[in-house]
Amino acid sequence: MPVHLQREIENLKRKLLTLSARVETAVREATLSIENRDYELAQRIIQNDPRIDSMEVGVEEDCLKILALHQPVAIDLRFIVAVLKINNDLERIGDLAVNIAERSAFLSKHPPFGFSLGLVEMADRAQDMLKHSLDALINLDSGLAQEVCAADDEIDAMNRQMYLKIQDAIRSNPGKLESLIHLLSVSRHLERIADHATNIAEDVIYMVEGRIARHRTEDYK
């Protein structure tokens, strides 16, 4: 690999990992703000989103510059293509963290439900998937990436269960309808975060092994 290309790829890796860390923090803090009904934390996540957007644009610009100036091939080209896709997923996860924070800000102004719907467990599972997908990216670990892909069905099932639980809760607590609808939105956002984590894992598999892993769920069971 030419020295200039190697230097730019290493710089690109650093930028992507910095973005990954910031997005992971946003998701963790968004779920904490829900658990603790922390309005100030929710607002901080919302205010920090433009920085994530700016970092995402910077990574994309670097990718396009490398493609234009160096015309990479083989594994280097595969890496750039994967980074472009992962970068987009990270930005979308950041947006979902903001959506959760907005729901949290609303819920913080209303009384607690007084009953548990299991949202914390779902949030923990989605965060684990995101963390493991990013660990797989950092370590170029396709085995760990495949484990993330295999876990997606579990989150889907938890989201379906959450829908049923909230449906029952609305019947029993019609006065809490608006708050419960916000909670249902949080569940959906967590499920989407898990989907994007799965996308990242699939792109890690592509980066490491050169094979497209989308639509091959039978490989992870």
Protein backbone atom coordinates (compact mmCIF):
# COMPACT_ATOMS: atom_id res chain seq x y z
CA MET A 1 0.00 0.00 0.00
CA PRO A 2 1.40 3.47 -0.89
CA VAL A 3 2.46 5.47 2.17
CA HIS A 4 0.02 8.32 1.53
CA LEU A 5 -2.92 5.92 1.15
CA GLN A 6 -1.94 4.05 4.31
CA ARG A 7 -1.75 7.31 6.27
CA GLU A 8 -5.16 8.45 5.06
CA ILE A 9 -6.77 5.09 5.82
CA GLU A 10 -5.36 5.12 9.35
CA ASN A 11 -6.70 8.65 9.84
CA LEU A 12 -10.08 7.50 8.52
CA LYS A 13 -10.11 4.61 11.01
CA ARG A 14 -9.45 7.02 13.88
CA LYS A 15 -12.28 9.30 12.81
CA LEU A 16 -14.72 6.40 12.45
CA LEU A 17 -13.82 5.04 15.89
CA THR A 18 -14.25 8.50 17.45
CA LEU A 19 -17.69 8.75 15.85
CA SER A 20 -18.52 5.23 17.04
CA ALA A 21 -17.62 6.10 20.63
CA ARG A 22 -19.71 9.26 20.55
CA VAL A 23 -22.74 7.45 19.14
CA GLU A 24 -22.43 4.62 21.66
CA THR A 25 -22.35 7.22 24.47
CA ALA A 26 -25.45 8.94 23.06
CA VAL A 27 -27.41 5.67 23.09
CA ARG A 28 -26.26 4.78 26.60
CA GLU A 29 -27.15 8.22 27.97
CA ALA A 30 -30.50 8.26 26.16
CA THR A 31 -31.54 5.00 27.81
CA LEU A 32 -30.25 6.26 31.17
CA SER A 33 -32.34 9.40 30.79
CA ILE A 34 -35.42 7.19 30.31
CA GLU A 35 -34.60 5.01 33.32
CA ASN A 36 -33.86 7.99 35.59
CA ARG A 37 -36.39 10.44 34.10
CA ASP A 38 -33.49 12.84 33.66
CA TYR A 39 -34.66 15.86 31.66
CA GLU A 40 -31.26 17.63 31.67
CA LEU A 41 -29.45 14.56 30.32
CA ALA A 42 -32.07 14.16 27.60
CA GLN A 43 -31.60 17.78 26.55
CA ARG A 44 -27.82 17.37 26.43
CA ILE A 45 -28.14 14.43 24.03
CA ILE A 46 -30.41 16.48 21.75
CA GLN A 47 -28.00 19.43 21.81
CA ASN A 48 -24.99 17.23 20.97
CA ASP A 49 -26.55 15.73 17.83
CA PRO A 50 -25.19 18.37 15.39
CA ARG A 51 -21.67 17.34 16.40
CA ILE A 52 -22.39 13.72 15.43
CA ASP A 53 -23.86 14.92 12.12
CA SER A 54 -20.75 16.99 11.44
CA MET A 55 -18.45 14.05 12.20
CA GLU A 56 -20.46 11.82 9.86
CA VAL A 57 -20.07 14.33 7.04
CA GLY A 58 -16.32 14.51 7.72
CA VAL A 59 -15.90 10.73 7.47
CA GLU A 60 -17.88 10.62 4.22
CA GLU A 61 -15.80 13.43 2.71
CA ASP A 62 -12.59 11.60 3.64
CA CYS A 63 -13.85 8.40 2.01
CA LEU A 64 -14.71 10.21 -1.22
CA LYS A 65 -11.35 11.98 -1.22
CA ILE A 66 -9.48 8.67 -0.86
CA LEU A 67 -11.53 7.12 -3.65
CA ALA A 68 -10.86 10.07 -5.96
CA LEU A 69 -7.16 10.53 -5.23
CA HIS A 70 -5.93 6.97 -4.72
CA GLN A 71 -8.42 4.72 -6.55
CA PRO A 72 -7.92 1.89 -4.02
CA VAL A 73 -8.47 -1.73 -5.02
CA ALA A 74 -9.05 -5.11 -3.33
CA ILE A 75 -9.14 -4.98 0.48
CA ASP A 76 -8.58 -1.21 0.63
CA LEU A 77 -11.55 -0.57 -1.63
CA ARG A 78 -13.64 -3.00 0.43
CA PHE A 79 -12.67 -1.12 3.56
CA ILE A 80 -13.71 2.26 2.15
CA VAL A 81 -17.05 0.89 0.92
CA ALA A 82 -17.74 -0.64 4.35
CA VAL A 83 -16.81 2.59 6.14
CA LEU A 84 -19.22 4.59 3.97
CA LYS A 85 -22.06 2.25 4.94
CA ILE A 86 -21.12 1.98 8.63
CA ASN A 87 -20.80 5.77 8.81
CA ASN A 88 -24.39 6.15 7.64
CA ASP A 89 -25.64 3.59 10.17
CA LEU A 90 -23.83 5.39 12.98
CA GLU A 91 -25.44 8.70 12.04
CA ARG A 92 -28.87 7.06 12.00
CA ILE A 93 -28.23 5.50 15.42
CA GLY A 94 -27.32 8.98 16.69
CA ASP A 95 -30.67 10.26 15.36
CA LEU A 96 -32.49 7.42 17.12
CA ALA A 97 -30.73 8.28 20.39
CA VAL A 98 -32.08 11.82 19.96
CA ASN A 99 -35.58 10.44 19.34
CA ILE A 100 -35.35 8.44 22.58
CA ALA A 101 -34.09 11.54 24.41
CA GLU A 102 -37.08 13.54 23.13
CA ARG A 103 -39.45 10.87 24.46
CA SER A 104 -37.49 10.90 27.72
CA ALA A 105 -37.86 14.67 28.05
CA PHE A 106 -41.64 14.27 27.72
CA LEU A 107 -41.85 11.36 30.18
CA SER A 108 -39.72 13.19 32.75
CA LYS A 109 -42.53 15.75 33.09
CA HIS A 110 -45.12 13.10 33.89
CA PRO A 111 -45.58 10.78 36.90
CA PRO A 112 -43.90 7.32 36.82
CA PHE A 113 -46.10 4.47 35.65
CA GLY A 114 -45.90 2.48 38.87
CA PHE A 115 -45.39 -0.76 36.96
CA SER A 116 -42.60 -2.28 34.86
CA LEU A 117 -42.89 -3.18 31.18
CA GLY A 118 -39.37 -4.58 30.77
CA LEU A 119 -38.02 -1.67 28.71
CA VAL A 120 -34.73 -1.61 30.64
CA GLU A 121 -33.95 -5.19 29.61
CA MET A 122 -34.65 -4.36 25.97
CA ALA A 123 -32.47 -1.23 26.17
CA ASP A 124 -29.63 -3.25 27.69
CA ARG A 125 -29.87 -5.83 24.90
CA ALA A 126 -29.86 -3.21 22.15
CA GLN A 127 -26.85 -1.51 23.75
CA ASP A 128 -25.03 -4.84 23.95
CA MET A 129 -25.63 -5.42 20.25
CA LEU A 130 -24.31 -1.97 19.39
CA LYS A 131 -21.26 -2.38 21.63
CA HIS A 132 -20.44 -5.81 20.18
CA SER A 133 -20.86 -4.61 16.61
CA LEU A 134 -18.42 -1.77 17.31
CA ASP A 135 -16.03 -4.16 19.09
CA ALA A 136 -16.19 -6.37 15.99
CA LEU A 137 -15.37 -3.32 13.88
CA ILE A 138 -12.42 -2.28 16.03
CA ASN A 139 -10.98 -5.81 16.17
CA LEU A 140 -12.09 -6.86 12.66
CA ASP A 141 -13.74 -9.85 14.34
CA SER A 142 -16.18 -11.49 11.91
CA GLY A 143 -17.10 -14.16 14.49
CA LEU A 144 -18.35 -11.54 16.94
CA ALA A 145 -20.11 -9.78 14.08
CA GLN A 146 -22.00 -12.98 13.29
CA GLU A 147 -23.11 -13.21 16.93
CA VAL A 148 -24.58 -9.71 16.64
CA CYS A 149 -26.51 -10.74 13.52
CA ALA A 150 -27.85 -13.79 15.34
CA ALA A 151 -29.13 -11.65 18.23
CA ASP A 152 -31.37 -9.46 16.06
CA ASP A 153 -34.34 -11.85 16.20
CA GLU A 154 -34.35 -11.59 20.00
CA ILE A 155 -34.75 -7.80 19.89
CA ASP A 156 -37.52 -8.13 17.30
CA ALA A 157 -39.36 -10.51 19.62
CA MET A 158 -38.89 -8.15 22.58
CA ASN A 159 -40.33 -5.28 20.53
CA ARG A 160 -43.40 -7.38 19.65
CA GLN A 161 -43.86 -8.30 23.31
CA MET A 162 -43.52 -4.64 24.30
CA TYR A 163 -46.31 -3.74 21.88
CA LEU A 164 -48.61 -6.31 23.50
CA LYS A 165 -47.68 -5.20 27.03
CA ILE A 166 -48.34 -1.55 26.23
CA GLN A 167 -51.62 -2.47 24.56
CA ASP A 168 -52.71 -4.16 27.80
CA ALA A 169 -51.39 -1.24 29.89
CA ILE A 170 -53.44 1.25 27.85
CA ARG A 171 -56.59 -0.76 28.51
CA SER A 172 -55.84 -0.83 32.24
CA ASN A 173 -54.54 2.76 32.47
CA PRO A 174 -56.34 4.88 29.86
CA GLY A 175 -55.29 8.04 31.70
CA LYS A 176 -51.66 7.26 30.86
CA LEU A 177 -52.32 6.80 27.13
CA GLU A 178 -50.01 9.57 25.89
CA SER A 179 -47.08 8.49 28.07
CA LEU A 180 -47.51 4.84 27.08
CA ILE A 181 -47.50 5.79 23.38
CA HIS A 182 -44.19 7.59 23.94
CA LEU A 183 -42.86 4.45 25.61
CA LEU A 184 -43.95 2.38 22.61
CA SER A 185 -41.97 4.76 20.40
CA VAL A 186 -38.89 4.18 22.57
CA SER A 187 -39.27 0.44 22.07
CA ARG A 188 -39.46 0.92 18.32
CA HIS A 189 -36.37 3.16 18.34
CA LEU A 190 -34.43 0.54 20.31
CA GLU A 191 -35.43 -2.10 17.78
CA ARG A 192 -34.17 0.16 14.98
CA ILE A 193 -30.86 0.70 16.82
CA ALA A 194 -30.47 -3.08 16.93
CA ASP A 195 -31.19 -3.21 13.18
CA HIS A 196 -28.45 -0.67 12.49
CA ALA A 197 -26.06 -2.57 14.79
CA THR A 198 -26.80 -5.66 12.69
CA ASN A 199 -26.04 -3.67 9.53
CA ILE A 200 -22.68 -2.65 11.00
CA ALA A 201 -21.94 -6.28 11.88
CA GLU A 202 -22.79 -7.38 8.34
CA ASP A 203 -20.45 -4.73 6.94
CA VAL A 204 -17.68 -5.96 9.25
CA ILE A 205 -18.16 -9.45 7.81
CA TYR A 206 -17.89 -7.95 4.32
CA MET A 207 -14.79 -6.00 5.30
CA VAL A 208 -13.03 -9.02 6.81
CA GLU A 209 -14.20 -11.89 4.63
CA GLY A 210 -15.23 -10.17 1.40
CA ARG A 211 -18.67 -11.76 1.41
CA ILE A 212 -22.03 -10.02 1.54
CA ALA A 213 -23.88 -11.19 4.66
CA ARG A 214 -27.23 -9.43 4.16
CA HIS A 215 -30.33 -11.62 3.79
CA ARG A 216 -28.42 -14.69 5.04
CA THR A 217 -29.98 -15.09 8.48
CA GLU A 218 -29.79 -18.87 8.21
CA ASP A 219 -26.00 -18.55 8.61
CA TYR A 220 -26.38 -17.19 12.16
CA LYS A 221 -28.73 -19.78 13.62
